[in-house]
Amino acid sequence: EQQVERNLEEWPEARQVMRRLGAAFNAVTGGGFLDLYFHPDCVR
């Protein structure tokens, strides 16, 4: 579980989520790579 200091959707927290997801995916798939891209919220 991730320790969240701010909103999970903020840049540093979301990047940490992506790292954790990529590593977990790699582990359960025996080395699989999950290409991830973060889109921050867009006021416009």
PDB file of all heavy atoms in Angstrom:
ATOM      1  N   GLU A   1       0.843  -1.195   0.000  1.00  0.00           N
ATOM      2  CA  GLU A   1       0.000   0.000   0.000  1.00  0.00           C
ATOM      3  C   GLU A   1       0.878   1.245   0.000  1.00  0.00           C
ATOM      4  O   GLU A   1       1.917   1.287   0.646  1.00  0.00           O
ATOM      5  CB  GLU A   1      -0.920  -0.001   1.215  1.00  0.00           C
ATOM      6  CG  GLU A   1      -1.975   1.052   1.140  1.00  0.00           C
ATOM      7  CD  GLU A   1      -3.120   0.798   2.102  1.00  0.00           C
ATOM      8  OE1 GLU A   1      -3.315  -0.353   2.516  1.00  0.00           O
ATOM      9  OE2 GLU A   1      -3.817   1.769   2.424  1.00  0.00           O
ATOM     10  N   GLN A   2       0.456   2.237  -0.726  1.00  0.00           N
ATOM     11  CA  GLN A   2       1.217   3.479  -0.867  1.00  0.00           C
ATOM     12  C   GLN A   2       0.861   4.453   0.238  1.00  0.00           C
ATOM     13  O   GLN A   2      -0.314   4.665   0.521  1.00  0.00           O
ATOM     14  CB  GLN A   2       0.925   4.094  -2.243  1.00  0.00           C
ATOM     15  CG  GLN A   2       1.678   5.368  -2.537  1.00  0.00           C
ATOM     16  CD  GLN A   2       1.548   5.748  -4.000  1.00  0.00           C
ATOM     17  OE1 GLN A   2       1.570   4.898  -4.860  1.00  0.00           O
ATOM     18  NE2 GLN A   2       1.431   7.029  -4.259  1.00  0.00           N
ATOM     19  N   GLN A   3       1.877   5.043   0.836  1.00  0.00           N
ATOM     20  CA  GLN A   3       1.667   6.106   1.819  1.00  0.00           C
ATOM     21  C   GLN A   3       1.464   7.398   1.044  1.00  0.00           C
ATOM     22  O   GLN A   3       2.360   7.857   0.350  1.00  0.00           O
ATOM     23  CB  GLN A   3       2.868   6.215   2.757  1.00  0.00           C
ATOM     24  CG  GLN A   3       3.139   4.949   3.547  1.00  0.00           C
ATOM     25  CD  GLN A   3       1.943   4.524   4.394  1.00  0.00           C
ATOM     26  OE1 GLN A   3       1.304   5.346   5.026  1.00  0.00           O
ATOM     27  NE2 GLN A   3       1.640   3.240   4.376  1.00  0.00           N
ATOM     28  N   VAL A   4       0.286   7.986   1.153  1.00  0.00           N
ATOM     29  CA  VAL A   4      -0.062   9.166   0.372  1.00  0.00           C
ATOM     30  C   VAL A   4       0.023  10.409   1.252  1.00  0.00           C
ATOM     31  O   VAL A   4      -0.628  10.486   2.282  1.00  0.00           O
ATOM     32  CB  VAL A   4      -1.481   9.035  -0.226  1.00  0.00           C
ATOM     33  CG1 VAL A   4      -1.842  10.268  -1.021  1.00  0.00           C
ATOM     34  CG2 VAL A   4      -1.585   7.789  -1.074  1.00  0.00           C
ATOM     35  N   GLU A   5       0.861  11.355   0.823  1.00  0.00           N
ATOM     36  CA  GLU A   5       0.979  12.617   1.545  1.00  0.00           C
ATOM     37  C   GLU A   5       0.016  13.659   1.000  1.00  0.00           C
ATOM     38  O   GLU A   5      -0.418  14.547   1.709  1.00  0.00           O
ATOM     39  CB  GLU A   5       2.414  13.135   1.456  1.00  0.00           C
ATOM     40  CG  GLU A   5       3.403  12.219   2.158  1.00  0.00           C
ATOM     41  CD  GLU A   5       4.823  12.692   2.030  1.00  0.00           C
ATOM     42  OE1 GLU A   5       5.036  13.892   1.754  1.00  0.00           O
ATOM     43  OE2 GLU A   5       5.720  11.862   2.211  1.00  0.00           O
ATOM     44  N   ARG A   6      -0.280  13.571  -0.289  1.00  0.00           N
ATOM     45  CA  ARG A   6      -1.212  14.490  -0.940  1.00  0.00           C
ATOM     46  C   ARG A   6      -2.227  13.660  -1.699  1.00  0.00           C
ATOM     47  O   ARG A   6      -2.312  12.458  -1.539  1.00  0.00           O
ATOM     48  CB  ARG A   6      -0.456  15.406  -1.910  1.00  0.00           C
ATOM     49  CG  ARG A   6       0.537  16.309  -1.231  1.00  0.00           C
ATOM     50  CD  ARG A   6       1.131  17.287  -2.181  1.00  0.00           C
ATOM     51  NE  ARG A   6       1.927  16.599  -3.196  1.00  0.00           N
ATOM     52  CZ  ARG A   6       2.616  17.216  -4.127  1.00  0.00           C
ATOM     53  NH1 ARG A   6       2.601  18.518  -4.209  1.00  0.00           N
ATOM     54  NH2 ARG A   6       3.318  16.549  -4.997  1.00  0.00           N
ATOM     55  N   ASN A   7      -2.968  14.305  -2.571  1.00  0.00           N
ATOM     56  CA  ASN A   7      -3.939  13.641  -3.426  1.00  0.00           C
ATOM     57  C   ASN A   7      -3.224  12.623  -4.313  1.00  0.00           C
ATOM     58  O   ASN A   7      -2.197  12.921  -4.910  1.00  0.00           O
ATOM     59  CB  ASN A   7      -4.643  14.704  -4.278  1.00  0.00           C
ATOM     60  CG  ASN A   7      -5.734  14.132  -5.139  1.00  0.00           C
ATOM     61  OD1 ASN A   7      -5.764  12.952  -5.476  1.00  0.00           O
ATOM     62  ND2 ASN A   7      -6.657  14.989  -5.512  1.00  0.00           N
ATOM     63  N   LEU A   8      -3.774  11.437  -4.425  1.00  0.00           N
ATOM     64  CA  LEU A   8      -3.176  10.373  -5.228  1.00  0.00           C
ATOM     65  C   LEU A   8      -3.011  10.785  -6.687  1.00  0.00           C
ATOM     66  O   LEU A   8      -2.146  10.272  -7.388  1.00  0.00           O
ATOM     67  CB  LEU A   8      -4.064   9.124  -5.139  1.00  0.00           C
ATOM     68  CG  LEU A   8      -3.461   7.794  -5.545  1.00  0.00           C
ATOM     69  CD1 LEU A   8      -2.262   7.452  -4.684  1.00  0.00           C
ATOM     70  CD2 LEU A   8      -4.507   6.707  -5.453  1.00  0.00           C
ATOM     71  N   GLU A   9      -3.811  11.741  -7.154  1.00  0.00           N
ATOM     72  CA  GLU A   9      -3.766  12.167  -8.551  1.00  0.00           C
ATOM     73  C   GLU A   9      -2.731  13.254  -8.817  1.00  0.00           C
ATOM     74  O   GLU A   9      -2.604  13.722  -9.945  1.00  0.00           O
ATOM     75  CB  GLU A   9      -5.148  12.615  -9.007  1.00  0.00           C
ATOM     76  CG  GLU A   9      -6.142  11.467  -9.002  1.00  0.00           C
ATOM     77  CD  GLU A   9      -7.508  11.866  -9.494  1.00  0.00           C
ATOM     78  OE1 GLU A   9      -7.764  13.065  -9.708  1.00  0.00           O
ATOM     79  OE2 GLU A   9      -8.331  10.957  -9.667  1.00  0.00           O
ATOM     80  N   GLU A  10      -1.989  13.677  -7.792  1.00  0.00           N
ATOM     81  CA  GLU A  10      -0.912  14.645  -7.995  1.00  0.00           C
ATOM     82  C   GLU A  10       0.270  13.942  -8.629  1.00  0.00           C
ATOM     83  O   GLU A  10       0.459  12.735  -8.470  1.00  0.00           O
ATOM     84  CB  GLU A  10      -0.513  15.285  -6.654  1.00  0.00           C
ATOM     85  CG  GLU A  10      -1.616  16.087  -6.009  1.00  0.00           C
ATOM     86  CD  GLU A  10      -1.964  17.346  -6.780  1.00  0.00           C
ATOM     87  OE1 GLU A  10      -1.073  17.952  -7.410  1.00  0.00           O
ATOM     88  OE2 GLU A  10      -3.155  17.727  -6.772  1.00  0.00           O
ATOM     89  N   TRP A  11       1.100  14.711  -9.324  1.00  0.00           N
ATOM     90  CA  TRP A  11       2.206  14.156 -10.103  1.00  0.00           C
ATOM     91  C   TRP A  11       3.092  13.171  -9.334  1.00  0.00           C
ATOM     92  O   TRP A  11       3.265  12.028  -9.764  1.00  0.00           O
ATOM     93  CB  TRP A  11       3.032  15.301 -10.701  1.00  0.00           C
ATOM     94  CG  TRP A  11       4.193  14.823 -11.494  1.00  0.00           C
ATOM     95  CD1 TRP A  11       5.502  14.835 -11.115  1.00  0.00           C
ATOM     96  CD2 TRP A  11       4.176  14.241 -12.797  1.00  0.00           C
ATOM     97  NE1 TRP A  11       6.290  14.302 -12.085  1.00  0.00           N
ATOM     98  CE2 TRP A  11       5.495  13.929 -13.141  1.00  0.00           C
ATOM     99  CE3 TRP A  11       3.168  13.946 -13.692  1.00  0.00           C
ATOM    100  CZ2 TRP A  11       5.844  13.350 -14.347  1.00  0.00           C
ATOM    101  CZ3 TRP A  11       3.507  13.362 -14.907  1.00  0.00           C
ATOM    102  CH2 TRP A  11       4.829  13.075 -15.217  1.00  0.00           C
ATOM    103  N   PRO A  12       3.685  13.539  -8.177  1.00  0.00           N
ATOM    104  CA  PRO A  12       4.607  12.589  -7.535  1.00  0.00           C
ATOM    105  C   PRO A  12       3.913  11.320  -7.048  1.00  0.00           C
ATOM    106  O   PRO A  12       4.467  10.227  -7.160  1.00  0.00           O
ATOM    107  CB  PRO A  12       5.196  13.363  -6.353  1.00  0.00           C
ATOM    108  CG  PRO A  12       4.636  14.724  -6.387  1.00  0.00           C
ATOM    109  CD  PRO A  12       3.619  14.808  -7.479  1.00  0.00           C
ATOM    110  N   GLU A  13       2.704  11.455  -6.530  1.00  0.00           N
ATOM    111  CA  GLU A  13       1.988  10.289  -6.044  1.00  0.00           C
ATOM    112  C   GLU A  13       1.569   9.376  -7.194  1.00  0.00           C
ATOM    113  O   GLU A  13       1.678   8.154  -7.104  1.00  0.00           O
ATOM    114  CB  GLU A  13       0.763  10.720  -5.223  1.00  0.00           C
ATOM    115  CG  GLU A  13       1.092  11.232  -3.843  1.00  0.00           C
ATOM    116  CD  GLU A  13       1.704  12.632  -3.807  1.00  0.00           C
ATOM    117  OE1 GLU A  13       1.654  13.343  -4.828  1.00  0.00           O
ATOM    118  OE2 GLU A  13       2.226  13.006  -2.744  1.00  0.00           O
ATOM    119  N   ALA A  14       1.090   9.960  -8.278  1.00  0.00           N
ATOM    120  CA  ALA A  14       0.682   9.160  -9.442  1.00  0.00           C
ATOM    121  C   ALA A  14       1.872   8.430 -10.044  1.00  0.00           C
ATOM    122  O   ALA A  14       1.767   7.276 -10.463  1.00  0.00           O
ATOM    123  CB  ALA A  14       0.013  10.040 -10.488  1.00  0.00           C
ATOM    124  N   ARG A  15       3.026   9.088 -10.090  1.00  0.00           N
ATOM    125  CA  ARG A  15       4.236   8.422 -10.609  1.00  0.00           C
ATOM    126  C   ARG A  15       4.614   7.226  -9.731  1.00  0.00           C
ATOM    127  O   ARG A  15       5.042   6.196 -10.228  1.00  0.00           O
ATOM    128  CB  ARG A  15       5.396   9.403 -10.690  1.00  0.00           C
ATOM    129  CG  ARG A  15       5.132  10.574 -11.598  1.00  0.00           C
ATOM    130  CD  ARG A  15       5.807  10.590 -12.907  1.00  0.00           C
ATOM    131  NE  ARG A  15       7.182  10.158 -12.875  1.00  0.00           N
ATOM    132  CZ  ARG A  15       7.741   9.551 -13.892  1.00  0.00           C
ATOM    133  NH1 ARG A  15       7.059   9.327 -14.971  1.00  0.00           N
ATOM    134  NH2 ARG A  15       8.986   9.183 -13.842  1.00  0.00           N
ATOM    135  N   GLN A  16       4.436   7.366  -8.429  1.00  0.00           N
ATOM    136  CA  GLN A  16       4.728   6.263  -7.522  1.00  0.00           C
ATOM    137  C   GLN A  16       3.735   5.115  -7.754  1.00  0.00           C
ATOM    138  O   GLN A  16       4.114   3.951  -7.741  1.00  0.00           O
ATOM    139  CB  GLN A  16       4.684   6.743  -6.072  1.00  0.00           C
ATOM    140  CG  GLN A  16       5.163   5.706  -5.091  1.00  0.00           C
ATOM    141  CD  GLN A  16       5.199   6.217  -3.669  1.00  0.00           C
ATOM    142  OE1 GLN A  16       4.857   7.364  -3.390  1.00  0.00           O
ATOM    143  NE2 GLN A  16       5.591   5.365  -2.753  1.00  0.00           N
ATOM    144  N   VAL A  17       2.472   5.441  -7.977  1.00  0.00           N
ATOM    145  CA  VAL A  17       1.471   4.416  -8.305  1.00  0.00           C
ATOM    146  C   VAL A  17       1.908   3.665  -9.559  1.00  0.00           C
ATOM    147  O   VAL A  17       1.866   2.434  -9.605  1.00  0.00           O
ATOM    148  CB  VAL A  17       0.065   5.041  -8.519  1.00  0.00           C
ATOM    149  CG1 VAL A  17      -0.893   4.039  -9.158  1.00  0.00           C
ATOM    150  CG2 VAL A  17      -0.503   5.567  -7.227  1.00  0.00           C
ATOM    151  N   MET A  18       2.341   4.399 -10.574  1.00  0.00           N
ATOM    152  CA  MET A  18       2.760   3.762 -11.832  1.00  0.00           C
ATOM    153  C   MET A  18       3.969   2.853 -11.614  1.00  0.00           C
ATOM    154  O   MET A  18       4.032   1.759 -12.171  1.00  0.00           O
ATOM    155  CB  MET A  18       3.049   4.822 -12.891  1.00  0.00           C
ATOM    156  CG  MET A  18       1.784   5.512 -13.348  1.00  0.00           C
ATOM    157  SD  MET A  18       1.951   6.877 -14.526  1.00  0.00           S
ATOM    158  CE  MET A  18       3.571   6.803 -15.144  1.00  0.00           C
ATOM    159  N   ARG A  19       4.934   3.281 -10.809  1.00  0.00           N
ATOM    160  CA  ARG A  19       6.108   2.434 -10.525  1.00  0.00           C
ATOM    161  C   ARG A  19       5.681   1.154  -9.813  1.00  0.00           C
ATOM    162  O   ARG A  19       6.136   0.060 -10.146  1.00  0.00           O
ATOM    163  CB  ARG A  19       7.123   3.194  -9.678  1.00  0.00           C
ATOM    164  CG  ARG A  19       7.983   4.145 -10.471  1.00  0.00           C
ATOM    165  CD  ARG A  19       9.175   4.643  -9.659  1.00  0.00           C
ATOM    166  NE  ARG A  19       8.774   5.513  -8.571  1.00  0.00           N
ATOM    167  CZ  ARG A  19       8.543   6.810  -8.685  1.00  0.00           C
ATOM    168  NH1 ARG A  19       8.672   7.406  -9.855  1.00  0.00           N
ATOM    169  NH2 ARG A  19       8.181   7.520  -7.643  1.00  0.00           N
ATOM    170  N   ARG A  20       4.791   1.295  -8.820  1.00  0.00           N
ATOM    171  CA  ARG A  20       4.321   0.124  -8.088  1.00  0.00           C
ATOM    172  C   ARG A  20       3.544  -0.825  -8.992  1.00  0.00           C
ATOM    173  O   ARG A  20       3.729  -2.037  -8.929  1.00  0.00           O
ATOM    174  CB  ARG A  20       3.438   0.567  -6.910  1.00  0.00           C
ATOM    175  CG  ARG A  20       4.221   1.250  -5.806  1.00  0.00           C
ATOM    176  CD  ARG A  20       3.367   1.856  -4.691  1.00  0.00           C
ATOM    177  NE  ARG A  20       2.265   1.032  -4.258  1.00  0.00           N
ATOM    178  CZ  ARG A  20       0.976   1.278  -4.532  1.00  0.00           C
ATOM    179  NH1 ARG A  20       0.617   2.338  -5.232  1.00  0.00           N
ATOM    180  NH2 ARG A  20       0.042   0.488  -4.090  1.00  0.00           N
ATOM    181  N   LEU A  21       2.688  -0.269  -9.852  1.00  0.00           N
ATOM    182  CA  LEU A  21       1.911  -1.099 -10.768  1.00  0.00           C
ATOM    183  C   LEU A  21       2.820  -1.804 -11.766  1.00  0.00           C
ATOM    184  O   LEU A  21       2.677  -2.997 -12.025  1.00  0.00           O
ATOM    185  CB  LEU A  21       0.855  -0.263 -11.496  1.00  0.00           C
ATOM    186  CG  LEU A  21      -0.003  -0.993 -12.530  1.00  0.00           C
ATOM    187  CD1 LEU A  21      -0.672  -2.228 -11.947  1.00  0.00           C
ATOM    188  CD2 LEU A  21      -1.029  -0.042 -13.123  1.00  0.00           C
ATOM    189  N   GLY A  22       3.780  -1.084 -12.331  1.00  0.00           N
ATOM    190  CA  GLY A  22       4.711  -1.691 -13.285  1.00  0.00           C
ATOM    191  C   GLY A  22       5.507  -2.822 -12.664  1.00  0.00           C
ATOM    192  O   GLY A  22       5.679  -3.889 -13.264  1.00  0.00           O
ATOM    193  N   ALA A  23       5.997  -2.621 -11.433  1.00  0.00           N
ATOM    194  CA  ALA A  23       6.782  -3.655 -10.750  1.00  0.00           C
ATOM    195  C   ALA A  23       5.917  -4.868 -10.403  1.00  0.00           C
ATOM    196  O   ALA A  23       6.340  -6.021 -10.576  1.00  0.00           O
ATOM    197  CB  ALA A  23       7.413  -3.080  -9.485  1.00  0.00           C
ATOM    198  N   ALA A  24       4.688  -4.619  -9.940  1.00  0.00           N
ATOM    199  CA  ALA A  24       3.792  -5.725  -9.595  1.00  0.00           C
ATOM    200  C   ALA A  24       3.408  -6.515 -10.846  1.00  0.00           C
ATOM    201  O   ALA A  24       3.376  -7.749 -10.822  1.00  0.00           O
ATOM    202  CB  ALA A  24       2.548  -5.198  -8.892  1.00  0.00           C
ATOM    203  N   PHE A  25       3.131  -5.811 -11.937  1.00  0.00           N
ATOM    204  CA  PHE A  25       2.801  -6.480 -13.204  1.00  0.00           C
ATOM    205  C   PHE A  25       3.982  -7.335 -13.657  1.00  0.00           C
ATOM    206  O   PHE A  25       3.805  -8.485 -14.056  1.00  0.00           O
ATOM    207  CB  PHE A  25       2.457  -5.438 -14.278  1.00  0.00           C
ATOM    208  CG  PHE A  25       2.102  -6.038 -15.605  1.00  0.00           C
ATOM    209  CD1 PHE A  25       0.817  -6.478 -15.852  1.00  0.00           C
ATOM    210  CD2 PHE A  25       3.053  -6.173 -16.600  1.00  0.00           C
ATOM    211  CE1 PHE A  25       0.477  -7.042 -17.075  1.00  0.00           C
ATOM    212  CE2 PHE A  25       2.728  -6.735 -17.826  1.00  0.00           C
ATOM    213  CZ  PHE A  25       1.431  -7.173 -18.060  1.00  0.00           C
ATOM    214  N   ASN A  26       5.184  -6.794 -13.575  1.00  0.00           N
ATOM    215  CA  ASN A  26       6.399  -7.520 -13.952  1.00  0.00           C
ATOM    216  C   ASN A  26       6.520  -8.804 -13.134  1.00  0.00           C
ATOM    217  O   ASN A  26       6.835  -9.866 -13.676  1.00  0.00           O
ATOM    218  CB  ASN A  26       7.614  -6.616 -13.752  1.00  0.00           C
ATOM    219  CG  ASN A  26       8.907  -7.300 -14.094  1.00  0.00           C
ATOM    220  OD1 ASN A  26       9.470  -8.017 -13.274  1.00  0.00           O
ATOM    221  ND2 ASN A  26       9.382  -7.067 -15.303  1.00  0.00           N
ATOM    222  N   ALA A  27       6.252  -8.715 -11.841  1.00  0.00           N
ATOM    223  CA  ALA A  27       6.381  -9.874 -10.959  1.00  0.00           C
ATOM    224  C   ALA A  27       5.365 -10.970 -11.283  1.00  0.00           C
ATOM    225  O   ALA A  27       5.719 -12.139 -11.363  1.00  0.00           O
ATOM    226  CB  ALA A  27       6.252  -9.444  -9.497  1.00  0.00           C
ATOM    227  N   VAL A  28       4.081 -10.601 -11.474  1.00  0.00           N
ATOM    228  CA  VAL A  28       3.044 -11.621 -11.690  1.00  0.00           C
ATOM    229  C   VAL A  28       3.060 -12.199 -13.104  1.00  0.00           C
ATOM    230  O   VAL A  28       2.518 -13.274 -13.321  1.00  0.00           O
ATOM    231  CB  VAL A  28       1.625 -11.128 -11.337  1.00  0.00           C
ATOM    232  CG1 VAL A  28       1.549 -10.680  -9.889  1.00  0.00           C
ATOM    233  CG2 VAL A  28       1.125 -10.067 -12.280  1.00  0.00           C
ATOM    234  N   THR A  29       3.667 -11.491 -14.045  1.00  0.00           N
ATOM    235  CA  THR A  29       3.700 -12.000 -15.423  1.00  0.00           C
ATOM    236  C   THR A  29       5.045 -12.636 -15.768  1.00  0.00           C
ATOM    237  O   THR A  29       5.270 -13.025 -16.903  1.00  0.00           O
ATOM    238  CB  THR A  29       3.385 -10.893 -16.448  1.00  0.00           C
ATOM    239  OG1 THR A  29       4.360  -9.856 -16.324  1.00  0.00           O
ATOM    240  CG2 THR A  29       1.982 -10.349 -16.267  1.00  0.00           C
ATOM    241  N   GLY A  30       5.937 -12.710 -14.803  1.00  0.00           N
ATOM    242  CA  GLY A  30       7.231 -13.346 -15.054  1.00  0.00           C
ATOM    243  C   GLY A  30       8.139 -12.514 -15.938  1.00  0.00           C
ATOM    244  O   GLY A  30       8.820 -13.040 -16.797  1.00  0.00           O
ATOM    245  N   GLY A  31       8.115 -11.201 -15.753  1.00  0.00           N
ATOM    246  CA  GLY A  31       9.005 -10.329 -16.511  1.00  0.00           C
ATOM    247  C   GLY A  31       8.307  -9.465 -17.538  1.00  0.00           C
ATOM    248  O   GLY A  31       8.969  -8.783 -18.324  1.00  0.00           O
ATOM    249  N   GLY A  32       6.987  -9.462 -17.543  1.00  0.00           N
ATOM    250  CA  GLY A  32       6.248  -8.652 -18.510  1.00  0.00           C
ATOM    251  C   GLY A  32       6.432  -7.158 -18.257  1.00  0.00           C
ATOM    252  O   GLY A  32       6.652  -6.730 -17.132  1.00  0.00           O
ATOM    253  N   PHE A  33       6.361  -6.401 -19.322  1.00  0.00           N
ATOM    254  CA  PHE A  33       6.513  -4.948 -19.233  1.00  0.00           C
ATOM    255  C   PHE A  33       5.168  -4.299 -19.499  1.00  0.00           C
ATOM    256  O   PHE A  33       4.483  -4.636 -20.465  1.00  0.00           O
ATOM    257  CB  PHE A  33       7.538  -4.450 -20.268  1.00  0.00           C
ATOM    258  CG  PHE A  33       7.640  -2.960 -20.327  1.00  0.00           C
ATOM    259  CD1 PHE A  33       8.276  -2.249 -19.315  1.00  0.00           C
ATOM    260  CD2 PHE A  33       7.091  -2.256 -21.389  1.00  0.00           C
ATOM    261  CE1 PHE A  33       8.373  -0.858 -19.364  1.00  0.00           C
ATOM    262  CE2 PHE A  33       7.177  -0.868 -21.459  1.00  0.00           C
ATOM    263  CZ  PHE A  33       7.822  -0.171 -20.439  1.00  0.00           C
ATOM    264  N   LEU A  34       4.790  -3.379 -18.625  1.00  0.00           N
ATOM    265  CA  LEU A  34       3.539  -2.645 -18.772  1.00  0.00           C
ATOM    266  C   LEU A  34       3.888  -1.195 -19.054  1.00  0.00           C
ATOM    267  O   LEU A  34       4.447  -0.504 -18.205  1.00  0.00           O
ATOM    268  CB  LEU A  34       2.703  -2.752 -17.494  1.00  0.00           C
ATOM    269  CG  LEU A  34       1.321  -2.123 -17.500  1.00  0.00           C
ATOM    270  CD1 LEU A  34       0.457  -2.706 -18.631  1.00  0.00           C
ATOM    271  CD2 LEU A  34       0.639  -2.346 -16.162  1.00  0.00           C
ATOM    272  N   ASP A  35       3.596  -0.751 -20.271  1.00  0.00           N
ATOM    273  CA  ASP A  35       3.869   0.630 -20.668  1.00  0.00           C
ATOM    274  C   ASP A  35       2.808   1.523 -20.054  1.00  0.00           C
ATOM    275  O   ASP A  35       1.614   1.344 -20.295  1.00  0.00           O
ATOM    276  CB  ASP A  35       3.850   0.719 -22.199  1.00  0.00           C
ATOM    277  CG  ASP A  35       4.366   2.047 -22.719  1.00  0.00           C
ATOM    278  OD1 ASP A  35       5.078   2.746 -21.971  1.00  0.00           O
ATOM    279  OD2 ASP A  35       4.066   2.373 -23.877  1.00  0.00           O
ATOM    280  N   LEU A  36       3.253   2.480 -19.225  1.00  0.00           N
ATOM    281  CA  LEU A  36       2.332   3.353 -18.498  1.00  0.00           C
ATOM    282  C   LEU A  36       2.623   4.802 -18.827  1.00  0.00           C
ATOM    283  O   LEU A  36       3.780   5.192 -18.967  1.00  0.00           O
ATOM    284  CB  LEU A  36       2.514   3.158 -16.983  1.00  0.00           C
ATOM    285  CG  LEU A  36       2.241   1.758 -16.463  1.00  0.00           C
ATOM    286  CD1 LEU A  36       2.869   1.563 -15.097  1.00  0.00           C
ATOM    287  CD2 LEU A  36       0.746   1.526 -16.392  1.00  0.00           C
ATOM    288  N   TYR A  37       1.555   5.596 -18.922  1.00  0.00           N
ATOM    289  CA  TYR A  37       1.715   7.031 -19.172  1.00  0.00           C
ATOM    290  C   TYR A  37       0.702   7.779 -18.304  1.00  0.00           C
ATOM    291  O   TYR A  37      -0.479   7.432 -18.279  1.00  0.00           O
ATOM    292  CB  TYR A  37       1.476   7.354 -20.651  1.00  0.00           C
ATOM    293  CG  TYR A  37       1.729   8.794 -20.972  1.00  0.00           C
ATOM    294  CD1 TYR A  37       3.028   9.268 -21.155  1.00  0.00           C
ATOM    295  CD2 TYR A  37       0.671   9.686 -21.059  1.00  0.00           C
ATOM    296  CE1 TYR A  37       3.253  10.606 -21.431  1.00  0.00           C
ATOM    297  CE2 TYR A  37       0.896  11.026 -21.334  1.00  0.00           C
ATOM    298  CZ  TYR A  37       2.188  11.480 -21.520  1.00  0.00           C
ATOM    299  OH  TYR A  37       2.411  12.810 -21.778  1.00  0.00           O
ATOM    300  N   PHE A  38       1.181   8.800 -17.592  1.00  0.00           N
ATOM    301  CA  PHE A  38       0.319   9.578 -16.707  1.00  0.00           C
ATOM    302  C   PHE A  38      -0.172  10.829 -17.414  1.00  0.00           C
ATOM    303  O   PHE A  38       0.598  11.576 -17.999  1.00  0.00           O
ATOM    304  CB  PHE A  38       1.085   9.975 -15.437  1.00  0.00           C
ATOM    305  CG  PHE A  38       0.306  10.862 -14.508  1.00  0.00           C
ATOM    306  CD1 PHE A  38      -0.888  10.436 -13.953  1.00  0.00           C
ATOM    307  CD2 PHE A  38       0.772  12.115 -14.184  1.00  0.00           C
ATOM    308  CE1 PHE A  38      -1.605  11.251 -13.088  1.00  0.00           C
ATOM    309  CE2 PHE A  38       0.070  12.944 -13.314  1.00  0.00           C
ATOM    310  CZ  PHE A  38      -1.121  12.499 -12.772  1.00  0.00           C
ATOM    311  N   HIS A  39      -1.484  11.064 -17.337  1.00  0.00           N
ATOM    312  CA  HIS A  39      -2.112  12.277 -17.849  1.00  0.00           C
ATOM    313  C   HIS A  39      -2.624  13.061 -16.641  1.00  0.00           C
ATOM    314  O   HIS A  39      -3.604  12.655 -16.021  1.00  0.00           O
ATOM    315  CB  HIS A  39      -3.308  11.947 -18.753  1.00  0.00           C
ATOM    316  CG  HIS A  39      -2.985  11.067 -19.900  1.00  0.00           C
ATOM    317  ND1 HIS A  39      -2.496  11.546 -21.082  1.00  0.00           N
ATOM    318  CD2 HIS A  39      -3.073   9.721 -20.040  1.00  0.00           C
ATOM    319  CE1 HIS A  39      -2.300  10.534 -21.911  1.00  0.00           C
ATOM    320  NE2 HIS A  39      -2.642   9.423 -21.296  1.00  0.00           N
ATOM    321  N   PRO A  40      -1.970  14.173 -16.291  1.00  0.00           N
ATOM    322  CA  PRO A  40      -2.475  14.961 -15.156  1.00  0.00           C
ATOM    323  C   PRO A  40      -3.862  15.529 -15.459  1.00  0.00           C
ATOM    324  O   PRO A  40      -4.272  15.579 -16.615  1.00  0.00           O
ATOM    325  CB  PRO A  40      -1.461  16.095 -15.012  1.00  0.00           C
ATOM    326  CG  PRO A  40      -0.410  15.871 -16.027  1.00  0.00           C
ATOM    327  CD  PRO A  40      -0.810  14.743 -16.913  1.00  0.00           C
ATOM    328  N   ASP A  41      -4.555  15.920 -14.393  1.00  0.00           N
ATOM    329  CA  ASP A  41      -5.882  16.505 -14.629  1.00  0.00           C
ATOM    330  C   ASP A  41      -5.735  17.778 -15.460  1.00  0.00           C
ATOM    331  O   ASP A  41      -4.715  18.435 -15.433  1.00  0.00           O
ATOM    332  CB  ASP A  41      -6.629  16.777 -13.323  1.00  0.00           C
ATOM    333  CG  ASP A  41      -5.918  17.767 -12.428  1.00  0.00           C
ATOM    334  OD1 ASP A  41      -4.702  17.953 -12.570  1.00  0.00           O
ATOM    335  OD2 ASP A  41      -6.588  18.356 -11.570  1.00  0.00           O
ATOM    336  N   CYS A  42      -6.761  18.057 -16.217  1.00  0.00           N
ATOM    337  CA  CYS A  42      -6.697  19.161 -17.164  1.00  0.00           C
ATOM    338  C   CYS A  42      -7.871  20.105 -16.915  1.00  0.00           C
ATOM    339  O   CYS A  42      -9.021  19.753 -17.191  1.00  0.00           O
ATOM    340  CB  CYS A  42      -6.741  18.623 -18.589  1.00  0.00           C
ATOM    341  SG  CYS A  42      -6.683  19.903 -19.849  1.00  0.00           S
ATOM    342  N   VAL A  43      -7.565  21.274 -16.394  1.00  0.00           N
ATOM    343  CA  VAL A  43      -8.605  22.262 -16.127  1.00  0.00           C
ATOM    344  C   VAL A  43      -9.233  22.736 -17.436  1.00  0.00           C
ATOM    345  O   VAL A  43     -10.442  22.909 -17.551  1.00  0.00           O
ATOM    346  CB  VAL A  43      -8.023  23.456 -15.340  1.00  0.00           C
ATOM    347  CG1 VAL A  43      -9.059  24.543 -15.164  1.00  0.00           C
ATOM    348  CG2 VAL A  43      -7.498  22.983 -13.991  1.00  0.00           C
ATOM    349  N   ARG A  44      -8.393  22.897 -18.452  1.00  0.00           N
ATOM    350  CA  ARG A  44      -8.871  23.410 -19.738  1.00  0.00           C
ATOM    351  C   ARG A  44      -9.887  22.469 -20.391  1.00  0.00           C
ATOM    352  O   ARG A  44     -10.903  22.898 -20.895  1.00  0.00           O
ATOM    353  CB  ARG A  44      -7.677  23.623 -20.669  1.00  0.00           C
ATOM    354  CG  ARG A  44      -8.032  24.269 -21.976  1.00  0.00           C
ATOM    355  CD  ARG A  44      -6.778  24.613 -22.743  1.00  0.00           C
ATOM    356  NE  ARG A  44      -5.791  23.549 -22.627  1.00  0.00           N
ATOM    357  CZ  ARG A  44      -5.173  22.981 -23.642  1.00  0.00           C
ATOM    358  NH1 ARG A  44      -5.389  23.396 -24.845  1.00  0.00           N
ATOM    359  NH2 ARG A  44      -4.307  22.030 -23.464  1.00  0.00           N
TER     360      ARG A  44
END
